Amino acid sequence: MELSQEVHSIIARYVGSRSDLLSLCRVSKRFQKEAERALYNTLHLRGHTRSVSLYSVLGRTPRLALLVEALSIYVDEGNGQEGDMDDDDDQSDTSSESSYPDDFWSTVASALRQTTKLRFLSVYLGRVNHSSQAWILDGCTFQLRTFHSDFDWDHHLETFLRSQPALHDLYLADYRTAGPSSPSCPAVARTPPSLPLLSLLECTFSEAAVALVPGRPVERVKTCFSKAKIEDKRAELRALLTSLRRSKKPLRALDLADDSYQSSFTLELVTSIDRVLSSRHGLRYLGTLAYPVDPTERVDFYTRLMRLPHLQCVELEVTEWEPPPMTPAALRALTYELRIYCPQVERVVYVYDFDRVVMKVVDNLCVLDNEAVAETLWREI
């Protein structure tokens, strides 16, 4: 009896590894289509030993390139000694060569132009000398929903983003309102891409959020202060909050990193958020805030948090505490104290020297949440 295509698809999904899927493609014509779909749908490519071969296959085989919907490109991760595929059966690349072939990026570019059904693209660059390769996006016709870019912000990247009206989730490692001009790369325009569906923005420069949030349905933002002096930082905060207020949707999550966390500035920050965004209260996640050590300051901090009635999760920096309150008993005590003032808060992320611990509330009990990924909670709550 001939099995239906649906049955073939279900069986292919239960195949344990990519090497088994490859074997299935080769030994069974009936399973080839669904096995190839499972094999090429989501690709995580590291290094250049086998990944270059795969880029070449995609570039010259449109039938296979059309199957790719999610692609992650890792360059120079692990100093050239990483594995090339996200597969338990693949061995690590033992080559000590950290340089890439001269035609590496042109091979990637050819593959991208063929992956017209691509919806999720991430490019992770481990070295600065690879960051000016956004030209590989020239001529691509796919419409992304998610894009992680470690590329320099230049004319090529900006032009590509202008062609992505379906983009919902964007990460930018670089942003400039104007860039150096040359015959091959003219200055970056001052008008940002339209991105009419953008709802989640992560950027290492607050200037990107200032430019891209207004007039778009952005609900979640993660960025960082780039100024060190307190007056400059206040001006940066004002510009950012004014921009956030002009989003088409109420802000649900705001994660602000800083090179130095000060409780005095945290009190100003929370007050400014309440004042500027008060008419659009919907904030569920707020971080990263310097948690005041002094009990009097801490009560003032809680009082200001109370003005954010929808807050469900806060991220608190406790590196300045001595001794560090990172034992389960200490974390529970602090979480209970915070919930006296903000009972709606269900999770607290504590940060100490870049290590994160999540406390959650279960049946009014505060317990460690060992399953939570602290770095992505701002995307989920």
Protein backbone atom coordinates (compact mmCIF):
# COMPACT_ATOMS: atom_id res chain seq x y z
CA MET A 1 0.00 0.00 0.00
CA GLU A 2 1.37 3.42 -0.99
CA LEU A 3 1.84 5.77 1.97
CA SER A 4 0.48 9.30 1.71
CA GLN A 5 2.73 12.37 1.59
CA GLU A 6 1.57 13.30 5.08
CA VAL A 7 2.75 9.95 6.46
CA HIS A 8 6.11 10.36 4.72
CA SER A 9 6.42 13.80 6.32
CA ILE A 10 5.60 12.49 9.82
CA ILE A 11 8.14 9.67 9.50
CA ALA A 12 10.84 12.07 8.27
CA ARG A 13 10.25 14.35 11.27
CA TYR A 14 10.97 11.48 13.64
CA VAL A 15 14.32 10.62 12.06
CA GLY A 16 16.91 11.18 14.77
CA SER A 17 19.84 12.89 13.02
CA ARG A 18 20.82 14.75 9.88
CA SER A 19 23.07 11.92 8.78
CA ASP A 20 20.08 9.53 8.92
CA LEU A 21 18.00 12.00 6.91
CA LEU A 22 20.78 12.13 4.32
CA SER A 23 20.82 8.34 4.12
CA LEU A 24 17.04 8.33 3.75
CA CYS A 25 17.31 10.75 0.81
CA ARG A 26 19.76 8.43 -0.94
CA VAL A 27 18.11 5.05 -0.40
CA SER A 28 14.40 5.85 -0.84
CA LYS A 29 12.87 7.79 -3.72
CA ARG A 30 9.53 7.76 -1.93
CA PHE A 31 10.98 9.48 1.13
CA GLN A 32 13.42 11.74 -0.69
CA LYS A 33 11.17 14.80 -0.93
CA GLU A 34 10.14 14.89 2.72
CA ALA A 35 13.59 13.88 3.97
CA GLU A 36 15.16 16.71 1.96
CA ARG A 37 12.58 19.13 3.36
CA ALA A 38 13.45 18.08 6.92
CA LEU A 39 17.18 18.21 6.11
CA TYR A 40 17.26 21.69 4.55
CA ASN A 41 14.39 23.51 6.27
CA THR A 42 16.55 24.80 9.15
CA LEU A 43 20.32 25.16 8.80
CA HIS A 44 22.91 26.25 11.38
CA LEU A 45 26.23 26.59 9.54
CA ARG A 46 29.54 27.08 11.33
CA GLY A 47 33.05 27.45 9.99
CA HIS A 48 33.90 26.78 6.37
CA THR A 49 34.93 23.16 5.84
CA ARG A 50 31.56 21.59 5.09
CA SER A 51 29.45 24.75 5.15
CA VAL A 52 31.12 26.15 2.01
CA SER A 53 30.21 22.95 0.20
CA LEU A 54 26.62 23.33 1.32
CA TYR A 55 26.48 26.97 0.22
CA SER A 56 27.73 25.81 -3.17
CA VAL A 57 25.01 23.15 -3.34
CA LEU A 58 22.32 25.72 -2.52
CA GLY A 59 23.71 28.16 -5.06
CA ARG A 60 23.58 25.71 -7.94
CA THR A 61 20.50 23.69 -6.88
CA PRO A 62 17.42 25.95 -6.67
CA ARG A 63 15.20 22.94 -5.85
CA LEU A 64 17.04 22.47 -2.54
CA ALA A 65 17.50 26.19 -1.85
CA LEU A 66 13.72 26.64 -1.98
CA LEU A 67 13.39 24.30 1.01
CA VAL A 68 15.42 26.56 3.33
CA GLU A 69 13.26 28.67 5.64
CA ALA A 70 15.68 29.35 8.52
CA LEU A 71 19.43 29.92 8.16
CA SER A 72 22.04 30.79 10.79
CA ILE A 73 25.54 31.69 9.61
CA TYR A 74 28.35 31.61 12.18
CA VAL A 75 31.69 33.07 11.12
CA ASP A 76 34.94 32.74 13.10
CA GLU A 77 33.18 31.29 16.11
CA GLY A 78 35.69 29.38 18.22
CA ASN A 79 38.67 30.79 16.25
CA GLY A 80 38.01 28.57 13.27
CA GLN A 81 37.84 25.32 15.23
CA GLU A 82 34.09 25.00 15.54
CA GLY A 83 31.87 22.39 13.95
CA ASP A 84 30.16 23.29 10.72
CA MET A 85 26.69 21.87 11.26
CA ASP A 86 24.34 21.75 14.21
CA ASP A 87 24.32 17.97 14.29
CA ASP A 88 25.33 15.46 16.93
CA ASP A 89 26.93 13.29 14.25
CA ASP A 90 29.22 16.04 12.94
CA GLN A 91 32.73 16.21 14.32
CA SER A 92 34.43 19.49 15.18
CA ASP A 93 36.53 21.11 12.52
CA THR A 94 40.06 20.35 13.72
CA SER A 95 41.68 22.72 11.25
CA SER A 96 43.63 25.50 12.93
CA GLU A 97 43.15 27.72 9.91
CA SER A 98 41.14 30.77 10.96
CA SER A 99 41.09 32.50 7.56
CA TYR A 100 38.27 31.88 5.13
CA PRO A 101 38.58 31.10 1.40
CA ASP A 102 38.70 34.12 -0.88
CA ASP A 103 35.39 33.13 -2.44
CA PHE A 104 33.63 32.40 0.87
CA TRP A 105 31.35 35.43 0.89
CA SER A 106 30.59 35.27 -2.83
CA THR A 107 29.58 31.63 -2.34
CA VAL A 108 27.30 32.64 0.53
CA ALA A 109 25.84 35.44 -1.60
CA SER A 110 25.02 33.02 -4.43
CA ALA A 111 23.28 30.70 -1.97
CA LEU A 112 21.23 33.52 -0.44
CA ARG A 113 19.97 34.66 -3.82
CA GLN A 114 18.54 31.17 -4.38
CA THR A 115 16.86 30.81 -0.95
CA THR A 116 13.77 32.76 -1.97
CA LYS A 117 11.58 31.13 0.71
CA LEU A 118 13.87 32.17 3.57
CA ARG A 119 12.00 33.65 6.54
CA PHE A 120 14.59 33.61 9.36
CA LEU A 121 18.18 34.76 8.82
CA SER A 122 20.89 35.20 11.46
CA VAL A 123 24.48 36.22 10.74
CA TYR A 124 26.88 35.97 13.69
CA LEU A 125 30.34 37.43 13.14
CA GLY A 126 33.23 36.73 15.49
CA ARG A 127 35.66 39.18 13.92
CA VAL A 128 35.45 42.85 12.96
CA ASN A 129 37.12 42.25 9.60
CA HIS A 130 34.06 40.27 8.49
CA SER A 131 31.50 42.93 9.47
CA SER A 132 31.51 44.88 6.17
CA GLN A 133 29.97 42.06 4.14
CA ALA A 134 26.35 43.25 3.93
CA TRP A 135 26.75 43.37 0.14
CA ILE A 136 25.94 39.64 0.12
CA LEU A 137 22.29 40.68 0.64
CA ASP A 138 22.20 42.55 -2.68
CA GLY A 139 19.73 40.94 -5.07
CA CYS A 140 18.07 38.76 -2.42
CA THR A 141 14.29 38.46 -2.88
CA PHE A 142 13.25 36.56 0.24
CA GLN A 143 10.93 38.26 2.74
CA LEU A 144 12.17 37.82 6.30
CA ARG A 145 10.22 37.74 9.55
CA THR A 146 13.36 37.62 11.73
CA PHE A 147 16.81 39.06 10.96
CA HIS A 148 19.89 39.08 13.19
CA SER A 149 22.62 41.23 11.64
CA ASP A 150 26.18 41.63 12.90
CA PHE A 151 27.04 43.56 9.73
CA ASP A 152 28.18 47.17 9.64
CA TRP A 153 25.38 49.59 8.91
CA ASP A 154 26.04 50.71 5.35
CA HIS A 155 24.22 51.37 2.09
CA HIS A 156 23.88 47.64 1.33
CA LEU A 157 22.27 46.81 4.68
CA GLU A 158 19.97 49.81 4.60
CA THR A 159 18.86 49.01 1.03
CA PHE A 160 18.16 45.42 2.03
CA LEU A 161 16.04 46.49 5.02
CA ARG A 162 14.02 48.77 2.76
CA SER A 163 13.00 45.64 0.85
CA GLN A 164 11.71 43.82 3.98
CA PRO A 165 8.16 45.00 4.75
CA ALA A 166 7.31 41.71 6.52
CA LEU A 167 10.10 41.98 9.11
CA HIS A 168 8.86 41.55 12.72
CA ASP A 169 12.04 40.85 14.71
CA LEU A 170 15.30 42.74 14.10
CA TYR A 171 18.74 42.72 15.75
CA LEU A 172 21.30 45.33 14.69
CA ALA A 173 24.89 45.33 15.89
CA ASP A 174 25.57 48.66 14.18
CA TYR A 175 23.62 51.76 13.21
CA ARG A 176 24.55 55.11 11.70
CA THR A 177 22.32 57.90 10.42
CA ALA A 178 25.04 58.82 7.94
CA GLY A 179 28.03 56.89 6.71
CA PRO A 180 31.14 57.45 4.62
CA SER A 181 30.46 57.72 0.94
CA SER A 182 32.33 56.19 -1.95
CA PRO A 183 31.53 55.41 -5.60
CA SER A 184 30.58 51.84 -4.67
CA CYS A 185 28.91 52.66 -1.34
CA PRO A 186 27.15 56.06 -1.17
CA ALA A 187 26.37 57.72 2.12
CA VAL A 188 23.64 56.13 4.21
CA ALA A 189 20.37 57.99 3.90
CA ARG A 190 18.96 59.80 6.92
CA THR A 191 15.46 58.40 6.40
CA PRO A 192 15.27 54.96 8.07
CA PRO A 193 13.65 51.93 6.40
CA SER A 194 9.87 51.79 6.76
CA LEU A 195 9.62 48.31 8.39
CA PRO A 196 5.82 48.65 8.90
CA LEU A 197 5.43 45.41 10.90
CA LEU A 198 8.47 45.72 13.18
CA SER A 199 7.44 44.67 16.71
CA LEU A 200 10.70 43.55 18.36
CA LEU A 201 13.95 45.51 18.15
CA GLU A 202 17.32 44.65 19.68
CA CYS A 203 20.18 47.04 18.98
CA THR A 204 23.51 47.88 20.54
CA PHE A 205 23.04 51.61 19.83
CA SER A 206 20.08 53.50 21.29
CA GLU A 207 20.19 55.74 18.21
CA ALA A 208 18.77 52.83 16.23
CA ALA A 209 15.77 52.60 18.55
CA VAL A 210 15.29 56.37 18.40
CA ALA A 211 15.17 56.20 14.60
CA LEU A 212 13.25 52.97 14.07
CA VAL A 213 10.54 52.89 16.76
CA PRO A 214 8.39 55.94 15.88
CA GLY A 215 5.42 55.10 13.65
CA ARG A 216 5.98 51.35 13.89
CA PRO A 217 4.19 48.75 16.07
CA VAL A 218 7.26 48.13 18.25
CA GLU A 219 6.34 46.45 21.55
CA ARG A 220 9.71 45.15 22.81
CA VAL A 221 13.06 46.94 22.82
CA LYS A 222 16.50 45.93 24.06
CA THR A 223 19.33 48.42 23.73
CA CYS A 224 22.06 50.09 25.79
CA PHE A 225 23.29 53.51 26.78
CA SER A 226 26.28 54.70 24.80
CA LYS A 227 27.02 57.78 26.91
CA ALA A 228 29.08 57.75 30.11
CA LYS A 229 28.55 61.24 31.54
CA ILE A 230 25.33 61.56 33.52
CA GLU A 231 24.05 64.64 31.64
CA ASP A 232 24.67 62.99 28.30
CA LYS A 233 22.98 59.84 29.54
CA ARG A 234 19.93 61.83 30.64
CA ALA A 235 19.67 63.38 27.19
CA GLU A 236 20.01 59.93 25.63
CA LEU A 237 17.23 58.62 27.89
CA ARG A 238 14.93 61.52 26.98
CA ALA A 239 15.44 60.92 23.28
CA LEU A 240 14.81 57.19 23.67
CA LEU A 241 11.64 57.55 25.76
CA THR A 242 10.25 60.19 23.41
CA SER A 243 10.80 57.78 20.55
CA LEU A 244 9.19 54.88 22.44
CA ARG A 245 6.13 56.99 23.12
CA ARG A 246 5.63 57.34 19.37
CA SER A 247 5.34 53.62 18.78
CA LYS A 248 2.02 52.50 17.32
CA LYS A 249 1.59 50.00 20.17
CA PRO A 250 2.13 50.23 23.94
CA LEU A 251 5.56 49.09 25.05
CA ARG A 252 5.58 45.66 26.73
CA ALA A 253 9.29 45.13 27.38
CA LEU A 254 12.26 47.47 27.80
CA ASP A 255 15.75 46.20 28.55
CA LEU A 256 18.41 48.92 28.91
CA ALA A 257 22.02 47.90 29.45
CA ASP A 258 24.66 50.27 30.81
CA ASP A 259 28.41 50.19 31.32
CA SER A 260 27.94 51.31 34.92
CA TYR A 261 24.79 50.82 36.97
CA GLN A 262 24.01 53.48 39.58
CA SER A 263 20.99 53.37 41.88
CA SER A 264 20.54 57.15 41.71
CA PHE A 265 20.20 57.04 37.93
CA THR A 266 17.91 54.00 38.19
CA LEU A 267 15.48 56.06 40.29
CA GLU A 268 15.53 58.77 37.60
CA LEU A 269 15.04 56.16 34.90
CA VAL A 270 11.96 54.59 36.49
CA THR A 271 10.46 58.02 37.18
CA SER A 272 11.08 59.11 33.58
CA ILE A 273 9.49 55.94 32.21
CA ASP A 274 6.39 56.54 34.30
CA ARG A 275 6.19 60.20 33.32
CA VAL A 276 6.81 59.85 29.58
CA LEU A 277 4.93 56.60 28.99
CA SER A 278 2.20 57.08 31.60
CA SER A 279 -0.55 57.40 29.00
CA ARG A 280 0.47 54.09 27.43
CA HIS A 281 1.14 51.89 30.44
CA GLY A 282 1.52 48.27 29.40
CA LEU A 283 5.11 47.61 30.45
CA ARG A 284 5.52 43.99 31.60
CA TYR A 285 9.32 43.69 31.61
CA LEU A 286 11.83 46.28 32.78
CA GLY A 287 15.61 46.00 33.17
CA THR A 288 18.43 46.30 33.84
CA LEU A 289 18.06 48.35 37.05
CA ALA A 290 20.68 48.94 39.73
CA TYR A 291 19.12 47.47 42.85
CA PRO A 292 19.66 49.95 45.71
CA VAL A 293 21.66 48.57 48.62
CA ASP A 294 20.48 51.19 51.10
CA PRO A 295 17.07 50.16 52.57
CA THR A 296 15.70 53.72 52.39
CA GLU A 297 16.61 54.05 48.71
CA ARG A 298 15.17 50.60 48.11
CA VAL A 299 11.76 51.61 49.50
CA ASP A 300 11.85 54.69 47.25
CA PHE A 301 12.69 52.37 44.34
CA TYR A 302 9.72 50.09 45.15
CA THR A 303 7.41 53.08 45.40
CA ARG A 304 8.34 54.18 41.91
CA LEU A 305 7.95 50.66 40.52
CA MET A 306 4.42 50.62 41.94
CA ARG A 307 3.49 53.19 39.32
CA LEU A 308 4.00 50.53 36.64
CA PRO A 309 0.91 48.40 37.38
CA HIS A 310 1.39 45.84 34.58
CA LEU A 311 4.98 44.96 35.46
CA GLN A 312 5.50 41.18 35.64
CA CYS A 313 9.29 40.86 35.52
CA VAL A 314 12.20 43.09 36.55
CA GLU A 315 15.91 42.59 36.01
CA LEU A 316 18.05 43.84 38.89
CA GLU A 317 21.81 44.43 38.95
CA VAL A 318 23.30 43.49 42.34
CA THR A 319 27.04 43.44 41.56
CA GLU A 320 27.67 46.31 44.02
CA TRP A 321 26.17 44.37 46.92
CA GLU A 322 28.58 43.10 49.58
CA PRO A 323 28.24 40.29 50.31
CA PRO A 324 26.50 39.30 47.06
CA PRO A 325 22.89 38.22 47.71
CA MET A 326 23.09 35.24 45.36
CA THR A 327 22.22 32.41 47.74
CA PRO A 328 18.71 30.95 47.33
CA ALA A 329 17.70 32.19 50.80
CA ALA A 330 18.87 35.76 50.09
CA LEU A 331 17.21 35.85 46.68
CA ARG A 332 13.94 34.60 48.14
CA ALA A 333 14.05 37.26 50.86
CA LEU A 334 14.64 40.08 48.37
CA THR A 335 11.93 38.79 46.05
CA TYR A 336 9.41 38.61 48.90
CA GLU A 337 10.35 42.15 49.91
CA LEU A 338 9.83 43.47 46.39
CA ARG A 339 6.45 41.72 46.11
CA ILE A 340 5.19 43.50 49.23
CA TYR A 341 5.10 46.62 47.08
CA CYS A 342 4.67 45.05 43.64
CA PRO A 343 2.63 41.85 44.11
CA GLN A 344 1.98 41.58 40.39
CA VAL A 345 5.68 40.84 39.71
CA GLU A 346 6.02 37.11 39.00
CA ARG A 347 9.69 36.89 38.02
CA VAL A 348 12.86 38.66 39.10
CA VAL A 349 16.17 38.36 37.25
CA TYR A 350 19.19 39.02 39.47
CA VAL A 351 22.45 39.93 37.73
CA TYR A 352 25.82 39.61 39.43
CA ASP A 353 28.99 40.01 37.35
CA PHE A 354 27.07 39.09 34.18
CA ASP A 355 25.68 35.89 35.75
CA ARG A 356 21.89 35.77 35.84
CA VAL A 357 19.59 33.94 38.23
CA VAL A 358 15.81 33.91 37.83
CA MET A 359 13.38 33.72 40.72
CA LYS A 360 9.75 32.95 39.96
CA VAL A 361 6.59 32.90 42.03
CA VAL A 362 4.67 29.61 42.17
CA ASP A 363 1.59 29.46 44.44
CA ASN A 364 2.90 32.50 46.32
CA LEU A 365 6.25 30.79 46.92
CA CYS A 366 9.50 32.19 45.48
CA VAL A 367 11.64 29.49 43.88
CA LEU A 368 14.63 29.34 41.54
CA ASP A 369 13.62 29.01 37.90
CA ASN A 370 16.36 26.80 36.49
CA GLU A 371 14.59 26.33 33.15
CA ALA A 372 14.21 29.99 32.25
CA VAL A 373 16.62 31.55 29.77
CA ALA A 374 17.24 34.88 31.49
CA GLU A 375 18.66 36.57 28.39
CA THR A 376 15.44 36.06 26.39
CA LEU A 377 12.72 36.70 28.99
CA TRP A 378 12.26 40.22 27.66
CA ARG A 379 11.09 38.64 24.40
CA GLU A 380 8.55 36.37 26.05
CA ILE A 381 6.79 38.17 28.91
